Amino acid sequence: MSKLKAVLFDLDGTLIDTAPDFIRVVNQLLAEDNRPAISDVSIRATVSAGSRALVQLAYNLEAGDEQVETIRERLLKLYEKQIAIDSRPFAGINELLKKLGEHNIAWGISTNKPEYYTRLLMEQLPLDPSPAIVLSPDQVPNAKPAPDSLLIACEHIGCSVKEAIYIGDHERDIECGKRASMPTIAAAYGYVPVGESAEDWNADYTIQSARDIWPIIEELI
């Protein structure tokens, strides 16, 4: 690849550990309905699949069940009020962003989290230096795994896809990077679905900790 100019991240499970807040609000919702709590592990493994998947998991519902949207609206109202109580950057992320800034490497976010909740989270968890661009699915023509967000991010930053790298914790993220012809890093420390292994996604690199990112970047600059 060409000399690296940009590092792009997925949000939930890659840049920010948002699972603790989802674990709390999902079980709070279940308690309101006099239903038993479900395990932290199962919620954590489902966060990257989105709020509908969390509702289906918690209430044992099939996709398309008419109850899903009603319960999902309640879940999102709870989440909106508690979006950054326990969420934090993964260990090593703050130091990584500082190093990127020191080397004049831009960074950005491509997430499937809706823009409203992404903005709310980022406002409450400001990162330094600030991202060059943050893109949610409602801001691009096609959501991941389509490559649109990565192509738009590179155009905004002013680099080619070969001068950027994408980091994500879901196979969808790696597919997105590949469809953009961009090098990829699979974050095995993130919210990998039960029964899957990040090693099987055929990313260019697979890491076990966010602290493993900088050594890769350092080789590419």
Protein backbone atom coordinates (compact mmCIF):
# COMPACT_ATOMS: atom_id res chain seq x y z
CA MET A 1 0.00 0.00 0.00
CA SER A 2 0.99 3.65 -0.32
CA LYS A 3 2.27 5.68 2.62
CA LEU A 4 -0.51 5.88 5.19
CA LYS A 5 -2.38 9.18 5.50
CA ALA A 6 -5.61 8.20 7.28
CA VAL A 7 -6.92 5.69 9.82
CA LEU A 8 -10.66 5.00 9.81
CA PHE A 9 -12.50 3.25 12.62
CA ASP A 10 -15.79 1.55 13.23
CA LEU A 11 -17.33 3.04 16.39
CA ASP A 12 -19.03 0.54 18.72
CA GLY A 13 -16.69 -2.29 19.63
CA THR A 14 -13.66 -0.81 17.88
CA LEU A 15 -13.11 2.76 19.01
CA ILE A 16 -15.51 3.00 21.96
CA ASP A 17 -16.57 0.25 24.36
CA THR A 18 -20.29 1.05 24.39
CA ALA A 19 -21.46 -2.38 25.55
CA PRO A 20 -21.70 -1.47 29.27
CA ASP A 21 -24.43 1.08 28.57
CA PHE A 22 -26.30 -1.33 26.28
CA ILE A 23 -26.06 -4.07 28.91
CA ARG A 24 -27.60 -1.78 31.49
CA VAL A 25 -30.47 -0.43 29.36
CA VAL A 26 -31.39 -3.81 27.86
CA ASN A 27 -31.71 -5.36 31.30
CA GLN A 28 -33.48 -2.25 32.61
CA LEU A 29 -36.05 -2.68 29.86
CA LEU A 30 -36.47 -6.36 30.67
CA ALA A 31 -36.95 -5.51 34.35
CA GLU A 32 -39.69 -3.03 33.43
CA ASP A 33 -41.49 -5.90 31.69
CA ASN A 34 -40.90 -8.31 34.59
CA ARG A 35 -38.64 -10.47 32.46
CA PRO A 36 -35.36 -12.03 33.62
CA ALA A 37 -32.07 -10.33 32.82
CA ILE A 38 -29.87 -11.82 30.12
CA SER A 39 -26.12 -12.29 30.24
CA ASP A 40 -23.63 -9.50 29.68
CA VAL A 41 -21.74 -11.76 27.29
CA SER A 42 -24.73 -12.30 24.98
CA ILE A 43 -25.53 -8.58 24.86
CA ARG A 44 -21.91 -7.65 24.22
CA ALA A 45 -21.70 -10.09 21.30
CA THR A 46 -24.84 -8.59 19.75
CA VAL A 47 -24.16 -4.84 20.07
CA SER A 48 -22.58 -4.54 16.62
CA ALA A 49 -25.70 -6.03 15.04
CA GLY A 50 -27.77 -3.05 16.20
CA SER A 51 -30.78 -2.26 18.36
CA ARG A 52 -33.22 -4.54 16.52
CA ALA A 53 -30.93 -7.50 17.08
CA LEU A 54 -30.66 -6.61 20.76
CA VAL A 55 -34.45 -6.58 21.09
CA GLN A 56 -34.74 -9.89 19.26
CA LEU A 57 -32.11 -11.39 21.58
CA ALA A 58 -33.63 -10.02 24.80
CA TYR A 59 -37.23 -10.91 23.99
CA ASN A 60 -36.56 -14.05 21.93
CA LEU A 61 -38.29 -12.60 18.88
CA GLU A 62 -37.81 -13.36 15.19
CA ALA A 63 -36.79 -10.68 12.71
CA GLY A 64 -39.90 -8.98 11.36
CA ASP A 65 -42.01 -9.65 14.45
CA GLU A 66 -44.31 -6.64 14.88
CA GLN A 67 -43.32 -6.32 18.55
CA VAL A 68 -39.68 -5.58 17.67
CA GLU A 69 -40.15 -1.97 16.58
CA THR A 70 -42.33 -1.04 19.56
CA ILE A 71 -39.84 -2.46 22.04
CA ARG A 72 -36.93 -0.98 20.08
CA GLU A 73 -38.40 2.52 20.44
CA ARG A 74 -38.50 2.07 24.22
CA LEU A 75 -34.95 0.75 24.23
CA LEU A 76 -33.64 3.72 22.26
CA LYS A 77 -35.37 6.21 24.57
CA LEU A 78 -33.62 4.62 27.54
CA TYR A 79 -30.32 4.51 25.68
CA GLU A 80 -30.54 8.16 24.64
CA LYS A 81 -30.70 9.23 28.29
CA GLN A 82 -27.83 6.95 29.38
CA ILE A 83 -25.64 6.84 26.27
CA ALA A 84 -22.29 7.66 27.86
CA ILE A 85 -22.52 6.69 31.51
CA ASP A 86 -20.12 3.75 31.30
CA SER A 87 -18.96 3.88 27.66
CA ARG A 88 -15.26 4.64 27.23
CA PRO A 89 -12.58 4.48 24.53
CA PHE A 90 -10.94 1.07 24.54
CA ALA A 91 -7.63 0.89 26.39
CA GLY A 92 -4.95 2.31 24.14
CA ILE A 93 -7.23 4.39 21.91
CA ASN A 94 -6.52 7.78 23.50
CA GLU A 95 -2.78 7.17 23.22
CA LEU A 96 -3.19 5.98 19.63
CA LEU A 97 -5.10 9.09 18.58
CA LYS A 98 -2.43 11.28 20.17
CA LYS A 99 0.26 9.49 18.17
CA LEU A 100 -1.74 9.85 14.96
CA GLY A 101 -1.99 13.59 15.62
CA GLU A 102 1.74 13.86 16.28
CA HIS A 103 2.41 12.20 12.91
CA ASN A 104 -0.18 14.31 11.04
CA ILE A 105 -2.27 11.26 10.20
CA ALA A 106 -5.97 12.03 9.90
CA TRP A 107 -8.52 9.75 11.53
CA GLY A 108 -12.23 9.30 11.08
CA ILE A 109 -15.24 7.11 11.86
CA SER A 110 -17.45 4.98 9.64
CA THR A 111 -20.26 3.45 11.67
CA ASN A 112 -23.66 1.86 11.21
CA LYS A 113 -24.84 3.65 14.37
CA PRO A 114 -27.48 6.25 13.40
CA GLU A 115 -26.18 9.81 13.15
CA TYR A 116 -28.25 11.13 16.06
CA TYR A 117 -26.86 8.62 18.56
CA THR A 118 -23.36 8.83 17.10
CA ARG A 119 -23.32 12.61 17.52
CA LEU A 120 -24.76 12.37 21.04
CA LEU A 121 -22.11 9.84 22.07
CA MET A 122 -19.24 11.81 20.54
CA GLU A 123 -20.40 15.02 22.20
CA GLN A 124 -20.27 13.34 25.60
CA LEU A 125 -17.00 11.49 24.94
CA PRO A 126 -14.85 14.06 23.10
CA LEU A 127 -11.65 12.63 21.64
CA ASP A 128 -8.39 14.50 21.07
CA PRO A 129 -7.52 15.21 18.37
CA SER A 130 -11.00 15.41 16.90
CA PRO A 131 -11.92 13.17 13.97
CA ALA A 132 -11.58 14.58 10.47
CA ILE A 133 -14.93 13.03 9.55
CA VAL A 134 -17.70 10.96 11.18
CA LEU A 135 -20.12 9.11 8.91
CA SER A 136 -23.28 7.22 9.88
CA PRO A 137 -25.54 5.16 7.59
CA ASP A 138 -28.13 7.93 7.31
CA GLN A 139 -25.42 10.24 5.91
CA VAL A 140 -24.29 8.03 3.01
CA PRO A 141 -26.06 6.49 0.00
CA ASN A 142 -25.55 2.91 1.19
CA ALA A 143 -24.64 1.57 4.64
CA LYS A 144 -21.85 -0.90 5.35
CA PRO A 145 -20.88 -3.36 4.00
CA ALA A 146 -21.23 -1.07 0.98
CA PRO A 147 -17.98 0.93 0.64
CA ASP A 148 -19.66 4.35 0.29
CA SER A 149 -18.67 5.71 3.71
CA LEU A 150 -14.99 4.83 3.27
CA LEU A 151 -14.86 6.33 -0.21
CA ILE A 152 -16.51 9.54 1.02
CA ALA A 153 -14.17 9.71 4.03
CA CYS A 154 -11.08 9.40 1.83
CA GLU A 155 -12.35 12.07 -0.54
CA HIS A 156 -13.02 14.39 2.40
CA ILE A 157 -9.60 13.77 3.93
CA GLY A 158 -7.85 14.07 0.59
CA CYS A 159 -6.24 10.66 0.30
CA SER A 160 -6.67 7.58 -1.84
CA VAL A 161 -8.09 4.33 -0.46
CA LYS A 162 -4.59 2.87 -0.68
CA GLU A 163 -3.40 5.60 1.71
CA ALA A 164 -5.97 4.70 4.38
CA ILE A 165 -6.75 1.70 6.57
CA TYR A 166 -10.06 0.60 8.12
CA ILE A 167 -10.44 -1.04 11.53
CA GLY A 168 -13.60 -2.88 12.58
CA ASP A 169 -14.92 -5.60 14.88
CA HIS A 170 -17.44 -7.21 12.52
CA GLU A 171 -17.10 -9.16 9.29
CA ARG A 172 -19.27 -6.47 7.69
CA ASP A 173 -16.51 -3.92 8.41
CA ILE A 174 -13.85 -6.03 6.77
CA GLU A 175 -16.07 -6.63 3.74
CA CYS A 176 -16.66 -2.87 3.55
CA GLY A 177 -12.92 -2.24 3.52
CA LYS A 178 -12.32 -4.89 0.88
CA ARG A 179 -15.06 -3.49 -1.36
CA ALA A 180 -13.36 -0.10 -1.06
CA SER A 181 -10.01 -1.75 -1.96
CA MET A 182 -8.68 -0.52 1.39
CA PRO A 183 -6.39 -2.43 3.78
CA THR A 184 -8.21 -3.68 6.87
CA ILE A 185 -7.61 -4.57 10.52
CA ALA A 186 -9.99 -6.94 12.33
CA ALA A 187 -10.48 -5.95 15.98
CA ALA A 188 -10.87 -9.30 17.73
CA TYR A 189 -11.19 -7.48 21.06
CA GLY A 190 -14.55 -6.05 20.00
CA TYR A 191 -18.09 -7.40 19.79
CA VAL A 192 -17.44 -10.49 17.69
CA PRO A 193 -20.68 -12.49 17.29
CA VAL A 194 -20.95 -15.80 19.11
CA GLY A 195 -19.61 -18.63 16.98
CA GLU A 196 -17.44 -16.38 14.83
CA SER A 197 -13.71 -15.72 14.84
CA ALA A 198 -12.16 -12.49 13.59
CA GLU A 199 -9.35 -14.63 12.19
CA ASP A 200 -11.79 -16.01 9.60
CA TRP A 201 -12.66 -12.63 8.08
CA ASN A 202 -9.48 -12.50 5.98
CA ALA A 203 -8.51 -9.01 7.09
CA ASP A 204 -4.98 -7.86 6.33
CA TYR A 205 -4.29 -7.79 10.07
CA THR A 206 -6.06 -9.21 13.14
CA ILE A 207 -5.44 -7.70 16.56
CA GLN A 208 -6.33 -8.70 20.12
CA SER A 209 -6.09 -5.22 21.68
CA ALA A 210 -6.40 -1.62 20.55
CA ARG A 211 -2.80 -1.27 21.75
CA ASP A 212 -1.82 -3.49 18.81
CA ILE A 213 -2.89 -0.87 16.27
CA TRP A 214 0.01 1.57 16.55
CA PRO A 215 2.76 -0.96 15.72
CA ILE A 216 0.92 -1.73 12.46
CA ILE A 217 0.44 1.96 11.67
CA GLU A 218 4.09 2.67 12.45
CA GLU A 219 5.16 0.17 9.78
CA LEU A 220 2.99 1.91 7.17
CA ILE A 221 3.95 5.55 7.63
